[in-house]
PDB file of N, CA and C in Angstrom:
ATOM      1  N   MET A   1     114.255 147.982 102.752  1.00  0.00           N
ATOM      2  CA  MET A   1     114.697 148.056 101.393  1.00  0.00           C
ATOM      3  C   MET A   1     114.553 146.680 100.752  1.00  0.00           C
ATOM      4  N   ASN A   2     113.801 146.663  99.701  1.00  0.00           N
ATOM      5  CA  ASN A   2     113.568 145.423  98.955  1.00  0.00           C
ATOM      6  C   ASN A   2     114.269 145.498  97.602  1.00  0.00           C
ATOM      7  N   VAL A   3     114.914 144.429  97.243  1.00  0.00           N
ATOM      8  CA  VAL A   3     115.562 144.320  95.932  1.00  0.00           C
ATOM      9  C   VAL A   3     114.856 143.214  95.167  1.00  0.00           C
ATOM     10  N   ASN A   4     114.346 143.589  94.021  1.00  0.00           N
ATOM     11  CA  ASN A   4     113.685 142.588  93.179  1.00  0.00           C
ATOM     12  C   ASN A   4     114.642 142.157  92.072  1.00  0.00           C
ATOM     13  N   PHE A   5     114.898 140.914  92.047  1.00  0.00           N
ATOM     14  CA  PHE A   5     115.756 140.350  90.999  1.00  0.00           C
ATOM     15  C   PHE A   5     115.045 139.126  90.450  1.00  0.00           C
ATOM     16  N   PRO A   6     114.513 139.253  89.230  1.00  0.00           N
ATOM     17  CA  PRO A   6     113.759 138.109  88.706  1.00  0.00           C
ATOM     18  C   PRO A   6     114.704 136.953  88.378  1.00  0.00           C
ATOM     19  N   LEU A   7     114.397 135.807  88.898  1.00  0.00           N
ATOM     20  CA  LEU A   7     115.202 134.621  88.620  1.00  0.00           C
ATOM     21  C   LEU A   7     114.826 133.985  87.281  1.00  0.00           C
ATOM     22  N   PHE A   8     113.617 134.196  86.860  1.00  0.00           N
ATOM     23  CA  PHE A   8     113.154 133.626  85.604  1.00  0.00           C
ATOM     24  C   PHE A   8     112.512 134.732  84.779  1.00  0.00           C
ATOM     25  N   ASN A   9     113.032 134.962  83.607  1.00  0.00           N
ATOM     26  CA  ASN A   9     112.511 136.051  82.776  1.00  0.00           C
ATOM     27  C   ASN A   9     111.802 135.534  81.526  1.00  0.00           C
ATOM     28  N   GLY A  10     111.438 134.293  81.520  1.00  0.00           N
ATOM     29  CA  GLY A  10     110.671 133.745  80.397  1.00  0.00           C
ATOM     30  C   GLY A  10     111.490 133.540  79.139  1.00  0.00           C
ATOM     31  N   PHE A  11     112.771 133.399  79.252  1.00  0.00           N
ATOM     32  CA  PHE A  11     113.689 133.167  78.134  1.00  0.00           C
ATOM     33  C   PHE A  11     113.749 134.322  77.144  1.00  0.00           C
ATOM     34  N   ALA A  12     113.156 135.450  77.474  1.00  0.00           N
ATOM     35  CA  ALA A  12     113.148 136.599  76.559  1.00  0.00           C
ATOM     36  C   ALA A  12     114.561 137.118  76.341  1.00  0.00           C
ATOM     37  N   ARG A  13     115.342 137.199  77.393  1.00  0.00           N
ATOM     38  CA  ARG A  13     116.726 137.697  77.282  1.00  0.00           C
ATOM     39  C   ARG A  13     117.563 136.760  76.424  1.00  0.00           C
ATOM     40  N   ASP A  14     117.435 135.445  76.646  1.00  0.00           N
ATOM     41  CA  ASP A  14     118.176 134.476  75.830  1.00  0.00           C
ATOM     42  C   ASP A  14     117.770 134.564  74.363  1.00  0.00           C
ATOM     43  N   ALA A  15     116.494 134.750  74.119  1.00  0.00           N
ATOM     44  CA  ALA A  15     116.017 134.856  72.739  1.00  0.00           C
ATOM     45  C   ALA A  15     116.592 136.093  72.054  1.00  0.00           C
ATOM     46  N   ARG A  16     116.644 137.226  72.783  1.00  0.00           N
ATOM     47  CA  ARG A  16     117.218 138.451  72.209  1.00  0.00           C
ATOM     48  C   ARG A  16     118.709 138.276  71.932  1.00  0.00           C
ATOM     49  N   VAL A  17     119.422 137.633  72.828  1.00  0.00           N
ATOM     50  CA  VAL A  17     120.859 137.399  72.628  1.00  0.00           C
ATOM     51  C   VAL A  17     121.078 136.506  71.412  1.00  0.00           C
ATOM     52  N   LYS A  18     120.300 135.432  71.316  1.00  0.00           N
ATOM     53  CA  LYS A  18     120.449 134.519  70.170  1.00  0.00           C
ATOM     54  C   LYS A  18     120.106 135.223  68.857  1.00  0.00           C
ATOM     55  N   ARG A  19     119.041 136.032  68.871  1.00  0.00           N
ATOM     56  CA  ARG A  19     118.642 136.777  67.673  1.00  0.00           C
ATOM     57  C   ARG A  19     119.745 137.754  67.267  1.00  0.00           C
ATOM     58  N   THR A  20     120.334 138.428  68.243  1.00  0.00           N
ATOM     59  CA  THR A  20     121.417 139.374  67.962  1.00  0.00           C
ATOM     60  C   THR A  20     122.634 138.652  67.398  1.00  0.00           C
ATOM     61  N   LYS A  21     122.946 137.477  67.924  1.00  0.00           N
ATOM     62  CA  LYS A  21     124.077 136.698  67.405  1.00  0.00           C
ATOM     63  C   LYS A  21     123.821 136.275  65.957  1.00  0.00           C
ATOM     64  N   ILE A  22     122.575 135.882  65.694  1.00  0.00           N
ATOM     65  CA  ILE A  22     122.229 135.481  64.321  1.00  0.00           C
ATOM     66  C   ILE A  22     122.329 136.682  63.383  1.00  0.00           C
ATOM     67  N   GLU A  23     121.844 137.831  63.818  1.00  0.00           N
ATOM     68  CA  GLU A  23     121.931 139.037  62.993  1.00  0.00           C
ATOM     69  C   GLU A  23     123.380 139.431  62.743  1.00  0.00           C
ATOM     70  N   LEU A  24     124.219 139.293  63.764  1.00  0.00           N
ATOM     71  CA  LEU A  24     125.641 139.584  63.603  1.00  0.00           C
ATOM     72  C   LEU A  24     126.272 138.631  62.600  1.00  0.00           C
ATOM     73  N   GLN A  25     125.928 137.362  62.679  1.00  0.00           N
ATOM     74  CA  GLN A  25     126.466 136.383  61.734  1.00  0.00           C
ATOM     75  C   GLN A  25     126.006 136.691  60.311  1.00  0.00           C
ATOM     76  N   GLN A  26     124.739 137.128  60.157  1.00  0.00           N
ATOM     77  CA  GLN A  26     124.235 137.485  58.826  1.00  0.00           C
ATOM     78  C   GLN A  26     124.999 138.679  58.266  1.00  0.00           C
ATOM     79  N   ILE A  27     125.279 139.654  59.100  1.00  0.00           N
ATOM     80  CA  ILE A  27     126.036 140.825  58.658  1.00  0.00           C
ATOM     81  C   ILE A  27     127.456 140.423  58.272  1.00  0.00           C
ATOM     82  N   GLU A  28     128.069 139.549  59.058  1.00  0.00           N
ATOM     83  CA  GLU A  28     129.418 139.078  58.713  1.00  0.00           C
ATOM     84  C   GLU A  28     129.398 138.307  57.398  1.00  0.00           C
ATOM     85  N   ASN A  29     128.359 137.517  57.180  1.00  0.00           N
ATOM     86  CA  ASN A  29     128.231 136.782  55.908  1.00  0.00           C
ATOM     87  C   ASN A  29     128.062 137.741  54.737  1.00  0.00           C
ATOM     88  N   GLN A  30     127.245 138.774  54.931  1.00  0.00           N
ATOM     89  CA  GLN A  30     127.046 139.766  53.870  1.00  0.00           C
ATOM     90  C   GLN A  30     128.346 140.509  53.572  1.00  0.00           C
ATOM     91  N   LEU A  31     129.094 140.826  54.619  1.00  0.00           N
ATOM     92  CA  LEU A  31     130.378 141.504  54.432  1.00  0.00           C
ATOM     93  C   LEU A  31     131.345 140.609  53.663  1.00  0.00           C
ATOM     94  N   GLY A  32     131.388 139.334  54.011  1.00  0.00           N
ATOM     95  CA  GLY A  32     132.248 138.388  53.293  1.00  0.00           C
ATOM     96  C   GLY A  32     131.850 138.272  51.835  1.00  0.00           C
ATOM     97  N   ALA A  33     130.533 138.221  51.584  1.00  0.00           N
ATOM     98  CA  ALA A  33     130.053 138.131  50.203  1.00  0.00           C
ATOM     99  C   ALA A  33     130.414 139.390  49.424  1.00  0.00           C
ATOM    100  N   LEU A  34     130.301 140.544  50.064  1.00  0.00           N
ATOM    101  CA  LEU A  34     130.661 141.802  49.408  1.00  0.00           C
ATOM    102  C   LEU A  34     132.152 141.827  49.065  1.00  0.00           C
ATOM    103  N   LYS A  35     132.985 141.380  49.995  1.00  0.00           N
ATOM    104  CA  LYS A  35     134.433 141.320  49.726  1.00  0.00           C
ATOM    105  C   LYS A  35     134.719 140.388  48.554  1.00  0.00           C
ATOM    106  N   ASN A  36     134.049 139.239  48.527  1.00  0.00           N
ATOM    107  CA  ASN A  36     134.246 138.302  47.411  1.00  0.00           C
ATOM    108  C   ASN A  36     133.807 138.917  46.084  1.00  0.00           C
ATOM    109  N   ASN A  37     132.681 139.620  46.097  1.00  0.00           N
ATOM    110  CA  ASN A  37     132.203 140.274  44.874  1.00  0.00           C
ATOM    111  C   ASN A  37     133.189 141.329  44.389  1.00  0.00           C
ATOM    112  N   ILE A  38     133.732 142.104  45.307  1.00  0.00           N
ATOM    113  CA  ILE A  38     134.714 143.133  44.931  1.00  0.00           C
ATOM    114  C   ILE A  38     135.967 142.484  44.362  1.00  0.00           C
ATOM    115  N   ASP A  39     136.448 141.428  45.039  1.00  0.00           N
ATOM    116  CA  ASP A  39     137.632 140.720  44.545  1.00  0.00           C
ATOM    117  C   ASP A  39     137.382 140.140  43.155  1.00  0.00           C
ATOM    118  N   ASN A  40     136.204 139.564  42.952  1.00  0.00           N
ATOM    119  CA  ASN A  40     135.868 139.001  41.639  1.00  0.00           C
ATOM    120  C   ASN A  40     135.794 140.089  40.574  1.00  0.00           C
ATOM    121  N   GLU A  41     135.220 141.223  40.932  1.00  0.00           N
ATOM    122  CA  GLU A  41     135.116 142.332  39.979  1.00  0.00           C
ATOM    123  C   GLU A  41     136.509 142.839  39.594  1.00  0.00           C
ATOM    124  N   ILE A  42     137.391 142.943  40.560  1.00  0.00           N
ATOM    125  CA  ILE A  42     138.763 143.390  40.269  1.00  0.00           C
ATOM    126  C   ILE A  42     139.476 142.380  39.390  1.00  0.00           C
ATOM    127  N   THR A  43     139.341 141.101  39.728  1.00  0.00           N
ATOM    128  CA  THR A  43     139.990 140.061  38.933  1.00  0.00           C
ATOM    129  C   THR A  43     139.470 140.068  37.502  1.00  0.00           C
ATOM    130  N   GLN A  44     138.163 140.177  37.342  1.00  0.00           N
ATOM    131  CA  GLN A  44     137.572 140.210  35.999  1.00  0.00           C
ATOM    132  C   GLN A  44     138.028 141.442  35.229  1.00  0.00           C
ATOM    133  N   ALA A  45     138.102 142.583  35.907  1.00  0.00           N
ATOM    134  CA  ALA A  45     138.554 143.810  35.245  1.00  0.00           C
ATOM    135  C   ALA A  45     140.010 143.676  34.800  1.00  0.00           C
ATOM    136  N   LYS A  46     140.848 143.049  35.626  1.00  0.00           N
ATOM    137  CA  LYS A  46     142.249 142.833  35.247  1.00  0.00           C
ATOM    138  C   LYS A  46     142.350 141.929  34.022  1.00  0.00           C
ATOM    139  N   LEU A  47     141.571 140.846  34.039  1.00  0.00           N
ATOM    140  CA  LEU A  47     141.605 139.917  32.900  1.00  0.00           C
ATOM    141  C   LEU A  47     141.118 140.593  31.622  1.00  0.00           C
ATOM    142  N   ASN A  48     140.051 141.374  31.729  1.00  0.00           N
ATOM    143  CA  ASN A  48     139.543 142.095  30.558  1.00  0.00           C
ATOM    144  C   ASN A  48     140.575 143.084  30.028  1.00  0.00           C
ATOM    145  N   TYR A  49     141.253 143.770  30.946  1.00  0.00           N
ATOM    146  CA  TYR A  49     142.268 144.741  30.538  1.00  0.00           C
ATOM    147  C   TYR A  49     143.433 144.040  29.828  1.00  0.00           C
ATOM    148  N   MET A  50     143.899 142.950  30.417  1.00  0.00           N
ATOM    149  CA  MET A  50     145.015 142.217  29.802  1.00  0.00           C
ATOM    150  C   MET A  50     144.624 141.687  28.425  1.00  0.00           C
ATOM    151  N   SER A  51     143.416 141.173  28.312  1.00  0.00           N
ATOM    152  CA  SER A  51     142.939 140.657  27.030  1.00  0.00           C
ATOM    153  C   SER A  51     142.812 141.788  26.002  1.00  0.00           C
ATOM    154  N   SER A  52     142.292 142.909  26.435  1.00  0.00           N
ATOM    155  CA  SER A  52     142.148 144.062  25.530  1.00  0.00           C
ATOM    156  C   SER A  52     143.501 144.572  25.055  1.00  0.00           C
ATOM    157  N   MET A  53     144.468 144.591  25.959  1.00  0.00           N
ATOM    158  CA  MET A  53     145.810 145.036  25.574  1.00  0.00           C
ATOM    159  C   MET A  53     146.440 144.071  24.568  1.00  0.00           C
ATOM    160  N   ALA A  54     146.250 142.779  24.788  1.00  0.00           N
ATOM    161  CA  ALA A  54     146.791 141.792  23.852  1.00  0.00           C
ATOM    162  C   ALA A  54     146.125 141.928  22.480  1.00  0.00           C
ATOM    163  N   THR A  55     144.812 142.126  22.475  1.00  0.00           N
ATOM    164  CA  THR A  55     144.090 142.311  21.213  1.00  0.00           C
ATOM    165  C   THR A  55     144.562 143.569  20.504  1.00  0.00           C
ATOM    166  N   MET A  56     144.771 144.628  21.266  1.00  0.00           N
ATOM    167  CA  MET A  56     145.232 145.884  20.678  1.00  0.00           C
ATOM    168  C   MET A  56     146.610 145.699  20.036  1.00  0.00           C
ATOM    169  N   GLN A  57     147.514 145.006  20.725  1.00  0.00           N
ATOM    170  CA  GLN A  57     148.850 144.775  20.155  1.00  0.00           C
ATOM    171  C   GLN A  57     148.769 143.935  18.880  1.00  0.00           C
ATOM    172  N   PHE A  58     147.913 142.926  18.905  1.00  0.00           N
ATOM    173  CA  PHE A  58     147.717 142.096  17.704  1.00  0.00           C
ATOM    174  C   PHE A  58     147.189 142.928  16.545  1.00  0.00           C
ATOM    175  N   GLN A  59     146.193 143.764  16.815  1.00  0.00           N
ATOM    176  CA  GLN A  59     145.611 144.588  15.755  1.00  0.00           C
ATOM    177  C   GLN A  59     146.604 145.635  15.255  1.00  0.00           C
ATOM    178  N   LYS A  60     147.472 146.103  16.137  1.00  0.00           N
ATOM    179  CA  LYS A  60     148.505 147.060  15.712  1.00  0.00           C
ATOM    180  C   LYS A  60     149.469 146.393  14.735  1.00  0.00           C
ATOM    181  N   LYS A  61     149.907 145.177  15.058  1.00  0.00           N
ATOM    182  CA  LYS A  61     150.806 144.441  14.165  1.00  0.00           C
ATOM    183  C   LYS A  61     150.110 144.127  12.842  1.00  0.00           C
ATOM    184  N   ASN A  62     148.844 143.778  12.926  1.00  0.00           N
ATOM    185  CA  ASN A  62     148.066 143.495  11.721  1.00  0.00           C
ATOM    186  C   ASN A  62     147.970 144.742  10.844  1.00  0.00           C
ATOM    187  N   MET A  63     147.759 145.887  11.481  1.00  0.00           N
ATOM    188  CA  MET A  63     147.680 147.146  10.739  1.00  0.00           C
ATOM    189  C   MET A  63     149.035 147.468  10.088  1.00  0.00           C
ATOM    190  N   GLN A  64     150.130 147.240  10.793  1.00  0.00           N
ATOM    191  CA  GLN A  64     151.461 147.494  10.241  1.00  0.00           C
ATOM    192  C   GLN A  64     151.727 146.583   9.050  1.00  0.00           C
ATOM    193  N   LEU A  65     151.290 145.340   9.157  1.00  0.00           N
ATOM    194  CA  LEU A  65     151.450 144.407   8.045  1.00  0.00           C
ATOM    195  C   LEU A  65     150.629 144.854   6.840  1.00  0.00           C
ATOM    196  N   ALA A  66     149.402 145.281   7.088  1.00  0.00           N
ATOM    197  CA  ALA A  66     148.551 145.760   5.991  1.00  0.00           C
ATOM    198  C   ALA A  66     149.155 146.996   5.331  1.00  0.00           C
ATOM    199  N   GLU A  67     149.771 147.855   6.145  1.00  0.00           N
ATOM    200  CA  GLU A  67     150.444 149.048   5.603  1.00  0.00           C
ATOM    201  C   GLU A  67     151.608 148.634   4.699  1.00  0.00           C
ATOM    202  N   ALA A  68     152.394 147.654   5.153  1.00  0.00           N
ATOM    203  CA  ALA A  68     153.535 147.190   4.354  1.00  0.00           C
ATOM    204  C   ALA A  68     153.052 146.567   3.036  1.00  0.00           C
ATOM    205  N   VAL A  69     151.996 145.770   3.099  1.00  0.00           N
ATOM    206  CA  VAL A  69     151.451 145.149   1.886  1.00  0.00           C
ATOM    207  C   VAL A  69     150.938 146.228   0.938  1.00  0.00           C
ATOM    208  N   TYR A  70     150.253 147.223   1.487  1.00  0.00           N
ATOM    209  CA  TYR A  70     149.737 148.307   0.647  1.00  0.00           C
ATOM    210  C   TYR A  70     150.877 149.056  -0.037  1.00  0.00           C
ATOM    211  N   GLN A  71     151.933 149.373   0.720  1.00  0.00           N
ATOM    212  CA  GLN A  71     153.068 150.092   0.138  1.00  0.00           C
ATOM    213  C   GLN A  71     153.730 149.272  -0.968  1.00  0.00           C
ATOM    214  N   GLN A  72     153.862 147.971  -0.723  1.00  0.00           N
ATOM    215  CA  GLN A  72     154.469 147.110  -1.735  1.00  0.00           C
ATOM    216  C   GLN A  72     153.570 147.014  -2.978  1.00  0.00           C
ATOM    217  N   THR A  73     152.287 146.881  -2.758  1.00  0.00           N
ATOM    218  CA  THR A  73     151.340 146.808  -3.879  1.00  0.00           C
ATOM    219  C   THR A  73     151.327 148.118  -4.653  1.00  0.00           C
ATOM    220  N   LYS A  74     151.431 149.234  -3.925  1.00  0.00           N
ATOM    221  CA  LYS A  74     151.461 150.550  -4.557  1.00  0.00           C
ATOM    222  C   LYS A  74     152.697 150.681  -5.464  1.00  0.00           C
ATOM    223  N   LYS A  75     153.852 150.203  -4.973  1.00  0.00           N
ATOM    224  CA  LYS A  75     155.079 150.253  -5.786  1.00  0.00           C
ATOM    225  C   LYS A  75     154.937 149.394  -7.035  1.00  0.00           C
ATOM    226  N   LYS A  76     154.344 148.203  -6.874  1.00  0.00           N
ATOM    227  CA  LYS A  76     154.126 147.334  -8.032  1.00  0.00           C
ATOM    228  C   LYS A  76     153.213 148.016  -9.050  1.00  0.00           C
ATOM    229  N   PHE A  77     152.186 148.683  -8.565  1.00  0.00           N
ATOM    230  CA  PHE A  77     151.254 149.363  -9.457  1.00  0.00           C
ATOM    231  C   PHE A  77     151.947 150.516 -10.180  1.00  0.00           C
ATOM    232  N   GLU A  78     152.770 151.258  -9.425  1.00  0.00           N
ATOM    233  CA  GLU A  78     153.473 152.403 -10.026  1.00  0.00           C
ATOM    234  C   GLU A  78     154.482 151.968 -11.075  1.00  0.00           C
ATOM    235  N   THR A  79     155.063 150.779 -10.892  1.00  0.00           N
ATOM    236  CA  THR A  79     156.022 150.291 -11.892  1.00  0.00           C
ATOM    237  C   THR A  79     155.336 149.560 -13.034  1.00  0.00           C
ATOM    238  N   GLY A  80     154.027 149.370 -12.903  1.00  0.00           N
ATOM    239  CA  GLY A  80     153.277 148.745 -13.983  1.00  0.00           C
ATOM    240  C   GLY A  80     153.165 147.242 -13.866  1.00  0.00           C
ATOM    241  N   THR A  81     153.641 146.661 -12.770  1.00  0.00           N
ATOM    242  CA  THR A  81     153.556 145.200 -12.627  1.00  0.00           C
ATOM    243  C   THR A  81     152.368 144.769 -11.775  1.00  0.00           C
ATOM    244  N   GLY A  82     151.654 145.728 -11.207  1.00  0.00           N
ATOM    245  CA  GLY A  82     150.483 145.407 -10.382  1.00  0.00           C
ATOM    246  C   GLY A  82     149.225 145.964 -11.001  1.00  0.00           C
ATOM    247  N   SER A  83     148.111 145.411 -10.597  1.00  0.00           N
ATOM    248  CA  SER A  83     146.837 145.847 -11.181  1.00  0.00           C
ATOM    249  C   SER A  83     146.109 146.817 -10.246  1.00  0.00           C
ATOM    250  N   ASN A  84     145.145 147.493 -10.833  1.00  0.00           N
ATOM    251  CA  ASN A  84     144.307 148.415 -10.075  1.00  0.00           C
ATOM    252  C   ASN A  84     143.490 147.656  -9.021  1.00  0.00           C
ATOM    253  N   THR A  85     143.102 146.441  -9.353  1.00  0.00           N
ATOM    254  CA  THR A  85     142.331 145.607  -8.420  1.00  0.00           C
ATOM    255  C   THR A  85     143.161 145.265  -7.184  1.00  0.00           C
ATOM    256  N   GLU A  86     144.435 144.953  -7.408  1.00  0.00           N
ATOM    257  CA  GLU A  86     145.329 144.620  -6.283  1.00  0.00           C
ATOM    258  C   GLU A  86     145.492 145.809  -5.332  1.00  0.00           C
ATOM    259  N   ILE A  87     145.695 146.983  -5.899  1.00  0.00           N
ATOM    260  CA  ILE A  87     145.892 148.159  -5.043  1.00  0.00           C
ATOM    261  C   ILE A  87     144.598 148.517  -4.310  1.00  0.00           C
ATOM    262  N   SER A  88     143.474 148.355  -4.987  1.00  0.00           N
ATOM    263  CA  SER A  88     142.190 148.632  -4.326  1.00  0.00           C
ATOM    264  C   SER A  88     141.948 147.649  -3.187  1.00  0.00           C
ATOM    265  N   ALA A  89     142.246 146.386  -3.421  1.00  0.00           N
ATOM    266  CA  ALA A  89     142.046 145.366  -2.383  1.00  0.00           C
ATOM    267  C   ALA A  89     142.978 145.604  -1.192  1.00  0.00           C
ATOM    268  N   SER A  90     144.243 145.934  -1.474  1.00  0.00           N
ATOM    269  CA  SER A  90     145.179 146.158  -0.365  1.00  0.00           C
ATOM    270  C   SER A  90     144.837 147.438   0.394  1.00  0.00           C
ATOM    271  N   GLN A  91     144.307 148.429  -0.303  1.00  0.00           N
ATOM    272  CA  GLN A  91     143.885 149.657   0.367  1.00  0.00           C
ATOM    273  C   GLN A  91     142.667 149.378   1.258  1.00  0.00           C
ATOM    274  N   ALA A  92     141.738 148.566   0.771  1.00  0.00           N
ATOM    275  CA  ALA A  92     140.562 148.194   1.577  1.00  0.00           C
ATOM    276  C   ALA A  92     140.997 147.387   2.807  1.00  0.00           C
ATOM    277  N   ASP A  93     141.959 146.497   2.611  1.00  0.00           N
ATOM    278  CA  ASP A  93     142.472 145.715   3.738  1.00  0.00           C
ATOM    279  C   ASP A  93     143.145 146.619   4.774  1.00  0.00           C
ATOM    280  N   LEU A  94     143.862 147.624   4.291  1.00  0.00           N
ATOM    281  CA  LEU A  94     144.523 148.567   5.196  1.00  0.00           C
ATOM    282  C   LEU A  94     143.495 149.356   5.998  1.00  0.00           C
ATOM    283  N   VAL A  95     142.465 149.834   5.350  1.00  0.00           N
ATOM    284  CA  VAL A  95     141.424 150.598   6.042  1.00  0.00           C
ATOM    285  C   VAL A  95     140.735 149.712   7.093  1.00  0.00           C
ATOM    286  N   THR A  96     140.462 148.473   6.731  1.00  0.00           N
ATOM    287  CA  THR A  96     139.849 147.534   7.682  1.00  0.00           C
ATOM    288  C   THR A  96     140.767 147.301   8.879  1.00  0.00           C
ATOM    289  N   ALA A  97     142.042 147.125   8.604  1.00  0.00           N
ATOM    290  CA  ALA A  97     143.010 146.907   9.686  1.00  0.00           C
ATOM    291  C   ALA A  97     143.115 148.142  10.584  1.00  0.00           C
ATOM    292  N   GLN A  98     143.081 149.325   9.995  1.00  0.00           N
ATOM    293  CA  GLN A  98     143.113 150.554  10.789  1.00  0.00           C
ATOM    294  C   GLN A  98     141.866 150.676  11.667  1.00  0.00           C
ATOM    295  N   ASN A  99     140.711 150.351  11.110  1.00  0.00           N
ATOM    296  CA  ASN A  99     139.469 150.388  11.889  1.00  0.00           C
ATOM    297  C   ASN A  99     139.502 149.375  13.036  1.00  0.00           C
ATOM    298  N   ASN A 100     140.008 148.182  12.745  1.00  0.00           N
ATOM    299  CA  ASN A 100     140.115 147.157  13.789  1.00  0.00           C
ATOM    300  C   ASN A 100     141.051 147.609  14.913  1.00  0.00           C
ATOM    301  N   TYR A 101     142.130 148.252  14.539  1.00  0.00           N
ATOM    302  CA  TYR A 101     143.068 148.751  15.553  1.00  0.00           C
ATOM    303  C   TYR A 101     142.414 149.841  16.399  1.00  0.00           C
ATOM    304  N   MET A 102     141.710 150.743  15.767  1.00  0.00           N
ATOM    305  CA  MET A 102     141.045 151.821  16.523  1.00  0.00           C
ATOM    306  C   MET A 102     139.997 151.256  17.477  1.00  0.00           C
ATOM    307  N   ASN A 103     139.249 150.263  17.012  1.00  0.00           N
ATOM    308  CA  ASN A 103     138.265 149.621  17.883  1.00  0.00           C
ATOM    309  C   ASN A 103     138.935 148.915  19.061  1.00  0.00           C
ATOM    310  N   ALA A 104     140.051 148.251  18.793  1.00  0.00           N
ATOM    311  CA  ALA A 104     140.788 147.563  19.862  1.00  0.00           C
ATOM    312  C   ALA A 104     141.376 148.572  20.844  1.00  0.00           C
ATOM    313  N   LEU A 105     141.862 149.688  20.332  1.00  0.00           N
ATOM    314  CA  LEU A 105     142.396 150.747  21.190  1.00  0.00           C
ATOM    315  C   LEU A 105     141.301 151.300  22.091  1.00  0.00           C
ATOM    316  N   TYR A 106     140.142 151.535  21.520  1.00  0.00           N
ATOM    317  CA  TYR A 106     138.996 152.033  22.295  1.00  0.00           C
ATOM    318  C   TYR A 106     138.597 151.015  23.378  1.00  0.00           C
ATOM    319  N   SER A 107     138.540 149.756  23.011  1.00  0.00           N
ATOM    320  CA  SER A 107     138.189 148.708  23.981  1.00  0.00           C
ATOM    321  C   SER A 107     139.208 148.634  25.108  1.00  0.00           C
ATOM    322  N   ALA A 108     140.481 148.814  24.778  1.00  0.00           N
ATOM    323  CA  ALA A 108     141.529 148.792  25.803  1.00  0.00           C
ATOM    324  C   ALA A 108     141.375 149.978  26.753  1.00  0.00           C
ATOM    325  N   LEU A 109     141.032 151.126  26.217  1.00  0.00           N
ATOM    326  CA  LEU A 109     140.822 152.297  27.077  1.00  0.00           C
ATOM    327  C   LEU A 109     139.622 152.102  28.007  1.00  0.00           C
ATOM    328  N   ILE A 110     138.556 151.542  27.484  1.00  0.00           N
ATOM    329  CA  ILE A 110     137.374 151.260  28.305  1.00  0.00           C
ATOM    330  C   ILE A 110     137.723 150.236  29.389  1.00  0.00           C
ATOM    331  N   ALA A 111     138.481 149.220  29.029  1.00  0.00           N
ATOM    332  CA  ALA A 111     138.879 148.198  30.003  1.00  0.00           C
ATOM    333  C   ALA A 111     139.762 148.805  31.093  1.00  0.00           C
ATOM    334  N   LYS A 112     140.613 149.756  30.715  1.00  0.00           N
ATOM    335  CA  LYS A 112     141.467 150.413  31.712  1.00  0.00           C
ATOM    336  C   LYS A 112     140.616 151.248  32.670  1.00  0.00           C
ATOM    337  N   VAL A 113     139.642 151.949  32.148  1.00  0.00           N
ATOM    338  CA  VAL A 113     138.738 152.739  33.004  1.00  0.00           C
ATOM    339  C   VAL A 113     137.973 151.810  33.949  1.00  0.00           C
ATOM    340  N   ASP A 114     137.496 150.684  33.419  1.00  0.00           N
ATOM    341  CA  ASP A 114     136.787 149.718  34.259  1.00  0.00           C
ATOM    342  C   ASP A 114     137.684 149.181  35.368  1.00  0.00           C
ATOM    343  N   LEU A 115     138.947 148.932  35.042  1.00  0.00           N
ATOM    344  CA  LEU A 115     139.905 148.450  36.051  1.00  0.00           C
ATOM    345  C   LEU A 115     140.139 149.514  37.116  1.00  0.00           C
ATOM    346  N   LEU A 116     140.311 150.756  36.684  1.00  0.00           N
ATOM    347  CA  LEU A 116     140.509 151.836  37.646  1.00  0.00           C
ATOM    348  C   LEU A 116     139.296 152.005  38.555  1.00  0.00           C
ATOM    349  N   LYS A 117     138.114 151.875  37.988  1.00  0.00           N
ATOM    350  CA  LYS A 117     136.880 151.966  38.794  1.00  0.00           C
ATOM    351  C   LYS A 117     136.800 150.798  39.774  1.00  0.00           C
ATOM    352  N   ALA A 118     137.138 149.598  39.321  1.00  0.00           N
ATOM    353  CA  ALA A 118     137.048 148.409  40.182  1.00  0.00           C
ATOM    354  C   ALA A 118     138.030 148.481  41.352  1.00  0.00           C
ATOM    355  N   THR A 119     139.189 149.092  41.104  1.00  0.00           N
ATOM    356  CA  THR A 119     140.191 149.184  42.172  1.00  0.00           C
ATOM    357  C   THR A 119     140.038 150.445  43.009  1.00  0.00           C
ATOM    358  N   GLY A 120     139.035 151.257  42.674  1.00  0.00           N
ATOM    359  CA  GLY A 120     138.766 152.448  43.467  1.00  0.00           C
ATOM    360  C   GLY A 120     139.688 153.613  43.168  1.00  0.00           C
ATOM    361  N   LYS A 121     140.362 153.581  42.049  1.00  0.00           N
ATOM    362  CA  LYS A 121     141.305 154.658  41.680  1.00  0.00           C
ATOM    363  C   LYS A 121     140.662 155.688  40.777  1.00  0.00           C
ATOM    364  N   LEU A 122     139.385 155.494  40.492  1.00  0.00           N
ATOM    365  CA  LEU A 122     138.674 156.460  39.631  1.00  0.00           C
ATOM    366  C   LEU A 122     137.316 156.727  40.233  1.00  0.00           C
TER     367      LEU A 122
END
């Protein structure tokens, strides 16, 4: 009975082991990069959502102020102390403020959807 056990294999085994270690390290690096990208995406989505919510609240207050100005201008016009130009201008300002609020509301909803997608809840 003869047993053949090569003492020298031409470094092929060492080369395969080293190549496998390098490939494993590359996969670990890719996994780390993917985790960082996901974390960055979540952080960015949170910041966008918070910013959108703040903008929406600002536009809501702006719209409420425009409504109050319009109502006051309307009363002045009805009592004869305000002009048609004033009421037209305040009405245009109110419509602009309402449009700005609706746009901000829409942006906040989109930002919330993006946040839910980034966190895997959608």
